[in-house]
C-alpha atoms as a PDB file:
ATOM      1  CA  UNK A   1      11.553 -16.869  -2.557  1.00  0.00           C
ATOM      2  CA  UNK A   2      14.040 -14.990  -4.722  1.00  0.00           C
ATOM      3  CA  UNK A   3      17.431 -14.626  -3.106  1.00  0.00           C
ATOM      4  CA  UNK A   4      17.971 -10.984  -2.188  1.00  0.00           C
ATOM      5  CA  UNK A   5      14.286 -10.116  -1.856  1.00  0.00           C
ATOM      6  CA  UNK A   6      13.680  -8.514   1.536  1.00  0.00           C
ATOM      7  CA  UNK A   7      10.187  -8.104   2.973  1.00  0.00           C
ATOM      8  CA  UNK A   8       9.397  -5.601   5.707  1.00  0.00           C
ATOM      9  CA  UNK A   9       6.257  -7.173   7.164  1.00  0.00           C
ATOM     10  CA  UNK A  10       5.397  -4.238   9.434  1.00  0.00           C
ATOM     11  CA  UNK A  11       5.384  -1.710   6.590  1.00  0.00           C
ATOM     12  CA  UNK A  12       4.347  -4.071   3.749  1.00  0.00           C
ATOM     13  CA  UNK A  13       7.504  -2.979   1.902  1.00  0.00           C
ATOM     14  CA  UNK A  14       9.800  -4.869  -0.453  1.00  0.00           C
ATOM     15  CA  UNK A  15      13.374  -4.388  -1.587  1.00  0.00           C
ATOM     16  CA  UNK A  16      15.882  -6.322  -3.657  1.00  0.00           C
ATOM     17  CA  UNK A  17      19.620  -5.826  -3.205  1.00  0.00           C
ATOM     18  CA  UNK A  18      18.936  -2.429  -1.665  1.00  0.00           C
ATOM     19  CA  UNK A  19      16.537  -1.340  -4.412  1.00  0.00           C
ATOM     20  CA  UNK A  20      13.085  -0.393  -3.144  1.00  0.00           C
ATOM     21  CA  UNK A  21      10.272  -2.180  -4.944  1.00  0.00           C
ATOM     22  CA  UNK A  22       6.682  -0.965  -4.751  1.00  0.00           C
ATOM     23  CA  UNK A  23       4.010  -3.517  -3.952  1.00  0.00           C
ATOM     24  CA  UNK A  24       1.207  -4.171  -6.415  1.00  0.00           C
ATOM     25  CA  UNK A  25      -1.279  -2.584  -4.009  1.00  0.00           C
ATOM     26  CA  UNK A  26       0.923   0.510  -3.581  1.00  0.00           C
ATOM     27  CA  UNK A  27       1.127   0.923  -7.344  1.00  0.00           C
ATOM     28  CA  UNK A  28      -2.650   0.752  -7.688  1.00  0.00           C
ATOM     29  CA  UNK A  29      -3.562   3.292  -5.015  1.00  0.00           C
ATOM     30  CA  UNK A  30      -3.732   5.860  -7.789  1.00  0.00           C
ATOM     31  CA  UNK A  31      -6.797   4.030  -9.172  1.00  0.00           C
ATOM     32  CA  UNK A  32      -9.000   3.848  -6.069  1.00  0.00           C
ATOM     33  CA  UNK A  33     -10.777   7.002  -4.977  1.00  0.00           C
ATOM     34  CA  UNK A  34     -11.924   6.681  -1.363  1.00  0.00           C
ATOM     35  CA  UNK A  35     -11.862  10.401  -0.695  1.00  0.00           C
ATOM     36  CA  UNK A  36     -15.481  10.418   0.458  1.00  0.00           C
ATOM     37  CA  UNK A  37     -14.975   7.537   2.913  1.00  0.00           C
ATOM     38  CA  UNK A  38     -13.989   8.430   6.507  1.00  0.00           C
ATOM     39  CA  UNK A  39     -10.464   7.379   7.462  1.00  0.00           C
ATOM     40  CA  UNK A  40     -11.632   5.280  10.417  1.00  0.00           C
ATOM     41  CA  UNK A  41     -13.908   3.299   8.077  1.00  0.00           C
ATOM     42  CA  UNK A  42     -11.039   2.696   5.654  1.00  0.00           C
ATOM     43  CA  UNK A  43      -8.703   1.696   8.481  1.00  0.00           C
ATOM     44  CA  UNK A  44     -11.204  -0.802   9.858  1.00  0.00           C
ATOM     45  CA  UNK A  45     -11.833  -2.298   6.406  1.00  0.00           C
ATOM     46  CA  UNK A  46      -8.078  -2.711   5.887  1.00  0.00           C
ATOM     47  CA  UNK A  47      -7.685  -4.327   9.318  1.00  0.00           C
ATOM     48  CA  UNK A  48     -10.578  -6.705   8.656  1.00  0.00           C
ATOM     49  CA  UNK A  49      -9.220  -7.576   5.208  1.00  0.00           C
ATOM     50  CA  UNK A  50      -5.826  -8.471   6.672  1.00  0.00           C
ATOM     51  CA  UNK A  51      -7.479 -10.603   9.357  1.00  0.00           C
ATOM     52  CA  UNK A  52      -9.620 -12.425   6.775  1.00  0.00           C
ATOM     53  CA  UNK A  53      -6.533 -13.161   4.674  1.00  0.00           C
ATOM     54  CA  UNK A  54      -4.640 -14.503   7.671  1.00  0.00           C
ATOM     55  CA  UNK A  55      -7.549 -16.662   8.845  1.00  0.00           C
ATOM     56  CA  UNK A  56      -8.223 -18.199   5.426  1.00  0.00           C
ATOM     57  CA  UNK A  57      -4.518 -18.874   4.923  1.00  0.00           C
ATOM     58  CA  UNK A  58      -4.356 -20.659   8.274  1.00  0.00           C
ATOM     59  CA  UNK A  59      -7.442 -22.657   7.290  1.00  0.00           C
ATOM     60  CA  UNK A  60      -5.806 -23.728   4.022  1.00  0.00           C
ATOM     61  CA  UNK A  61      -2.698 -24.770   5.937  1.00  0.00           C
ATOM     62  CA  UNK A  62      -4.810 -26.747   8.439  1.00  0.00           C
ATOM     63  CA  UNK A  63      -3.430 -24.541  11.196  1.00  0.00           C
ATOM     64  CA  UNK A  64      -6.479 -22.491  12.209  1.00  0.00           C
ATOM     65  CA  UNK A  65      -7.407 -22.550  15.898  1.00  0.00           C
ATOM     66  CA  UNK A  66     -11.182 -22.550  15.626  1.00  0.00           C
ATOM     67  CA  UNK A  67     -11.693 -21.725  19.301  1.00  0.00           C
ATOM     68  CA  UNK A  68      -9.625 -18.548  19.074  1.00  0.00           C
ATOM     69  CA  UNK A  69     -11.213 -17.365  15.821  1.00  0.00           C
ATOM     70  CA  UNK A  70     -12.844 -13.959  16.196  1.00  0.00           C
ATOM     71  CA  UNK A  71     -16.615 -14.388  15.694  1.00  0.00           C
ATOM     72  CA  UNK A  72     -16.485 -11.416  13.308  1.00  0.00           C
ATOM     73  CA  UNK A  73     -14.307 -13.527  10.985  1.00  0.00           C
ATOM     74  CA  UNK A  74     -16.185 -16.807  11.233  1.00  0.00           C
ATOM     75  CA  UNK A  75     -18.575 -16.012   8.371  1.00  0.00           C
ATOM     76  CA  UNK A  76     -15.736 -15.110   6.006  1.00  0.00           C
ATOM     77  CA  UNK A  77     -13.862 -18.324   6.807  1.00  0.00           C
ATOM     78  CA  UNK A  78     -17.069 -20.303   6.316  1.00  0.00           C
ATOM     79  CA  UNK A  79     -17.553 -18.601   2.943  1.00  0.00           C
ATOM     80  CA  UNK A  80     -14.016 -19.506   1.884  1.00  0.00           C
ATOM     81  CA  UNK A  81     -14.467 -23.118   2.927  1.00  0.00           C
ATOM     82  CA  UNK A  82     -17.766 -23.247   1.082  1.00  0.00           C
ATOM     83  CA  UNK A  83     -16.072 -21.922  -2.049  1.00  0.00           C
ATOM     84  CA  UNK A  84     -13.356 -24.561  -1.813  1.00  0.00           C
ATOM     85  CA  UNK A  85     -15.874 -27.349  -1.281  1.00  0.00           C
ATOM     86  CA  UNK A  86     -18.241 -26.304  -4.061  1.00  0.00           C
ATOM     87  CA  UNK A  87     -15.568 -25.378  -6.629  1.00  0.00           C
ATOM     88  CA  UNK A  88     -13.044 -28.105  -5.849  1.00  0.00           C
ATOM     89  CA  UNK A  89     -10.289 -25.473  -5.751  1.00  0.00           C
ATOM     90  CA  UNK A  90      -6.947 -26.885  -4.571  1.00  0.00           C
ATOM     91  CA  UNK A  91      -4.367 -24.253  -3.594  1.00  0.00           C
ATOM     92  CA  UNK A  92      -0.735 -24.801  -4.549  1.00  0.00           C
ATOM     93  CA  UNK A  93       0.547 -21.375  -3.479  1.00  0.00           C
ATOM     94  CA  UNK A  94      -0.889 -19.654  -0.396  1.00  0.00           C
ATOM     95  CA  UNK A  95       0.010 -16.016   0.384  1.00  0.00           C
ATOM     96  CA  UNK A  96       3.074 -16.361  -1.830  1.00  0.00           C
ATOM     97  CA  UNK A  97       5.637 -13.601  -2.427  1.00  0.00           C
ATOM     98  CA  UNK A  98       6.155 -12.690  -6.060  1.00  0.00           C
ATOM     99  CA  UNK A  99       8.410 -10.252  -7.861  1.00  0.00           C
ATOM    100  CA  UNK A 100       9.073  -8.934 -11.344  1.00  0.00           C
ATOM    101  CA  UNK A 101      12.612  -7.593 -11.382  1.00  0.00           C
ATOM    102  CA  UNK A 102      12.336  -6.521 -15.017  1.00  0.00           C
ATOM    103  CA  UNK A 103       9.476  -4.131 -14.294  1.00  0.00           C
ATOM    104  CA  UNK A 104      10.549  -3.463 -10.711  1.00  0.00           C
ATOM    105  CA  UNK A 105       7.763  -4.394  -8.307  1.00  0.00           C
ATOM    106  CA  UNK A 106       6.754  -7.132  -5.886  1.00  0.00           C
ATOM    107  CA  UNK A 107       3.705  -8.382  -4.028  1.00  0.00           C
ATOM    108  CA  UNK A 108       1.935 -11.271  -2.366  1.00  0.00           C
ATOM    109  CA  UNK A 109      -0.563 -13.381  -4.280  1.00  0.00           C
ATOM    110  CA  UNK A 110      -3.443 -14.810  -2.273  1.00  0.00           C
ATOM    111  CA  UNK A 111      -3.792 -18.147  -4.040  1.00  0.00           C
ATOM    112  CA  UNK A 112      -2.650 -20.073  -7.091  1.00  0.00           C
ATOM    113  CA  UNK A 113      -4.081 -23.511  -7.671  1.00  0.00           C
ATOM    114  CA  UNK A 114      -6.265 -25.868  -9.637  1.00  0.00           C
ATOM    115  CA  UNK A 115      -9.778 -24.682 -10.441  1.00  0.00           C
ATOM    116  CA  UNK A 116     -11.910 -26.655 -12.851  1.00  0.00           C
ATOM    117  CA  UNK A 117      -8.896 -28.521 -14.194  1.00  0.00           C
ATOM    118  CA  UNK A 118      -6.944 -25.329 -14.956  1.00  0.00           C
ATOM    119  CA  UNK A 119      -4.347 -23.316 -13.091  1.00  0.00           C
ATOM    120  CA  UNK A 120      -5.959 -20.195 -11.655  1.00  0.00           C
ATOM    121  CA  UNK A 121      -4.865 -17.049  -9.828  1.00  0.00           C
ATOM    122  CA  UNK A 122      -7.244 -15.922  -7.073  1.00  0.00           C
ATOM    123  CA  UNK A 123      -7.517 -12.801  -4.963  1.00  0.00           C
ATOM    124  CA  UNK A 124      -9.680 -12.775  -1.841  1.00  0.00           C
ATOM    125  CA  UNK A 125     -11.827  -9.706  -1.170  1.00  0.00           C
ATOM    126  CA  UNK A 126     -13.965  -9.099   1.902  1.00  0.00           C
ATOM    127  CA  UNK A 127     -15.210  -5.536   1.419  1.00  0.00           C
ATOM    128  CA  UNK A 128     -18.733  -4.486   0.586  1.00  0.00           C
ATOM    129  CA  UNK A 129     -17.888  -4.576  -3.119  1.00  0.00           C
ATOM    130  CA  UNK A 130     -15.129  -5.712  -5.468  1.00  0.00           C
ATOM    131  CA  UNK A 131     -13.016  -2.632  -6.305  1.00  0.00           C
ATOM    132  CA  UNK A 132     -12.458  -1.717  -9.945  1.00  0.00           C
ATOM    133  CA  UNK A 133      -8.723  -2.043  -9.350  1.00  0.00           C
ATOM    134  CA  UNK A 134      -9.063  -5.805  -8.745  1.00  0.00           C
ATOM    135  CA  UNK A 135      -8.526  -6.630 -12.425  1.00  0.00           C
ATOM    136  CA  UNK A 136      -5.325  -4.578 -12.791  1.00  0.00           C
ATOM    137  CA  UNK A 137      -4.181  -5.936  -9.414  1.00  0.00           C
ATOM    138  CA  UNK A 138      -4.470  -9.506 -10.641  1.00  0.00           C
ATOM    139  CA  UNK A 139      -2.799  -8.485 -13.909  1.00  0.00           C
ATOM    140  CA  UNK A 140       0.187  -7.251 -11.894  1.00  0.00           C
ATOM    141  CA  UNK A 141       0.368 -10.513  -9.987  1.00  0.00           C
ATOM    142  CA  UNK A 142       0.036 -12.464 -13.236  1.00  0.00           C
ATOM    143  CA  UNK A 143       2.945 -10.567 -14.775  1.00  0.00           C
ATOM    144  CA  UNK A 144       5.094 -11.287 -11.715  1.00  0.00           C
ATOM    145  CA  UNK A 145       4.194 -14.989 -11.653  1.00  0.00           C
ATOM    146  CA  UNK A 146       4.908 -15.257 -15.373  1.00  0.00           C
ATOM    147  CA  UNK A 147       8.298 -13.554 -14.939  1.00  0.00           C
ATOM    148  CA  UNK A 148       9.189 -15.920 -12.086  1.00  0.00           C
ATOM    149  CA  UNK A 149       8.219 -19.012 -14.102  1.00  0.00           C
ATOM    150  CA  UNK A 150      10.169 -17.824 -17.142  1.00  0.00           C
ATOM    151  CA  UNK A 151      13.269 -17.159 -15.012  1.00  0.00           C
ATOM    152  CA  UNK A 152      13.156 -20.443 -13.130  1.00  0.00           C
ATOM    153  CA  UNK A 153      11.968 -19.193  -9.746  1.00  0.00           C
ATOM    154  CA  UNK A 154       8.712 -21.176  -9.988  1.00  0.00           C
ATOM    155  CA  UNK A 155       7.916 -24.505 -11.615  1.00  0.00           C
ATOM    156  CA  UNK A 156       6.658 -24.329 -15.183  1.00  0.00           C
ATOM    157  CA  UNK A 157       3.547 -26.225 -14.094  1.00  0.00           C
ATOM    158  CA  UNK A 158       2.474 -22.979 -12.385  1.00  0.00           C
ATOM    159  CA  UNK A 159       2.268 -21.099 -15.679  1.00  0.00           C
ATOM    160  CA  UNK A 160      -1.095 -19.364 -15.917  1.00  0.00           C
ATOM    161  CA  UNK A 161      -3.284 -18.366 -18.813  1.00  0.00           C
ATOM    162  CA  UNK A 162      -4.086 -14.664 -18.540  1.00  0.00           C
ATOM    163  CA  UNK A 163      -7.837 -15.259 -18.526  1.00  0.00           C
ATOM    164  CA  UNK A 164      -7.687 -17.512 -15.453  1.00  0.00           C
ATOM    165  CA  UNK A 165      -7.791 -14.651 -12.927  1.00  0.00           C
ATOM    166  CA  UNK A 166     -10.577 -14.447 -10.366  1.00  0.00           C
ATOM    167  CA  UNK A 167     -11.722 -12.581  -7.301  1.00  0.00           C
ATOM    168  CA  UNK A 168     -13.354 -14.645  -4.579  1.00  0.00           C
ATOM    169  CA  UNK A 169     -15.625 -12.152  -2.841  1.00  0.00           C
ATOM    170  CA  UNK A 170     -16.378 -13.373   0.687  1.00  0.00           C
ATOM    171  CA  UNK A 171     -19.371 -12.126   2.645  1.00  0.00           C
ATOM    172  CA  UNK A 172     -19.776 -12.074   6.443  1.00  0.00           C
ATOM    173  CA  UNK A 173     -22.927 -14.214   6.329  1.00  0.00           C
ATOM    174  CA  UNK A 174     -20.970 -17.136   4.818  1.00  0.00           C
ATOM    175  CA  UNK A 175     -21.726 -16.567   1.143  1.00  0.00           C
ATOM    176  CA  UNK A 176     -19.260 -15.968  -1.695  1.00  0.00           C
ATOM    177  CA  UNK A 177     -19.143 -15.053  -5.348  1.00  0.00           C
ATOM    178  CA  UNK A 178     -16.494 -16.010  -7.888  1.00  0.00           C
ATOM    179  CA  UNK A 179     -15.842 -13.051 -10.179  1.00  0.00           C
ATOM    180  CA  UNK A 180     -13.722 -13.557 -13.321  1.00  0.00           C
ATOM    181  CA  UNK A 181     -11.333 -10.734 -14.225  1.00  0.00           C
ATOM    182  CA  UNK A 182     -11.211 -10.667 -18.024  1.00  0.00           C
ATOM    183  CA  UNK A 183     -10.977  -7.042 -19.036  1.00  0.00           C
ATOM    184  CA  UNK A 184      -8.264  -6.924 -21.742  1.00  0.00           C
ATOM    185  CA  UNK A 185      -7.276  -3.456 -20.494  1.00  0.00           C
ATOM    186  CA  UNK A 186      -6.114  -4.712 -17.088  1.00  0.00           C
ATOM    187  CA  UNK A 187      -2.465  -5.162 -18.097  1.00  0.00           C
ATOM    188  CA  UNK A 188      -2.156  -1.742 -19.691  1.00  0.00           C
ATOM    189  CA  UNK A 189      -3.876  -0.097 -16.724  1.00  0.00           C
ATOM    190  CA  UNK A 190      -1.472  -1.758 -14.297  1.00  0.00           C
ATOM    191  CA  UNK A 191       1.477  -0.737 -16.484  1.00  0.00           C
ATOM    192  CA  UNK A 192       0.229   2.865 -16.571  1.00  0.00           C
ATOM    193  CA  UNK A 193      -0.186   2.912 -12.779  1.00  0.00           C
ATOM    194  CA  UNK A 194       3.354   1.574 -12.390  1.00  0.00           C
ATOM    195  CA  UNK A 195       4.653   4.315 -14.696  1.00  0.00           C
ATOM    196  CA  UNK A 196       2.876   6.921 -12.562  1.00  0.00           C
ATOM    197  CA  UNK A 197       4.345   5.459  -9.360  1.00  0.00           C
ATOM    198  CA  UNK A 198       7.852   5.514 -10.834  1.00  0.00           C
ATOM    199  CA  UNK A 199       7.321   9.058 -12.116  1.00  0.00           C
ATOM    200  CA  UNK A 200       6.276  10.253  -8.666  1.00  0.00           C
ATOM    201  CA  UNK A 201       9.229   8.521  -7.031  1.00  0.00           C
ATOM    202  CA  UNK A 202      11.624  10.274  -9.400  1.00  0.00           C
ATOM    203  CA  UNK A 203      10.349  13.740  -8.478  1.00  0.00           C
END
């Protein structure tokens, strides 16, 4: 953790030395159009996504109480475990805070670890589909991880190649798909979204 970085867990907000920093997901809200989806459906999907993230993180830390696991989450956790077993993925960072003070944003990466003999950045999704913003989201996390490595906040062994970004899409019936994020436009799209966020904040 970077000294001076403050995380407001309740509001998913970040600040550094009194300076408010948008999260990667806040920056990218401009890209996702859910206007035709009822609010209660969106709220439930967000709640479920948070619960899936927490459960899989506990599983990776060998701290998951299986007996207290909500049956609605069991399939997602089984899918994650199946992915780890079949892919050999070994996490080194789990739900890790990241920041890029040069560009002025922060976030929480789901996983960084070894996949197929290479360092990989993973984002876990549990919705009905992988959103188009997933690529730019991972680009934002990649930029933050790279900044932290270059400035000595993370070990150089955690340096990532830009192409090694993936979504692990978990399904409630225990299946998963590994989706590579390799659109070369992802970085510029994230940068544009960040510019828009900063522009709105300055109004």
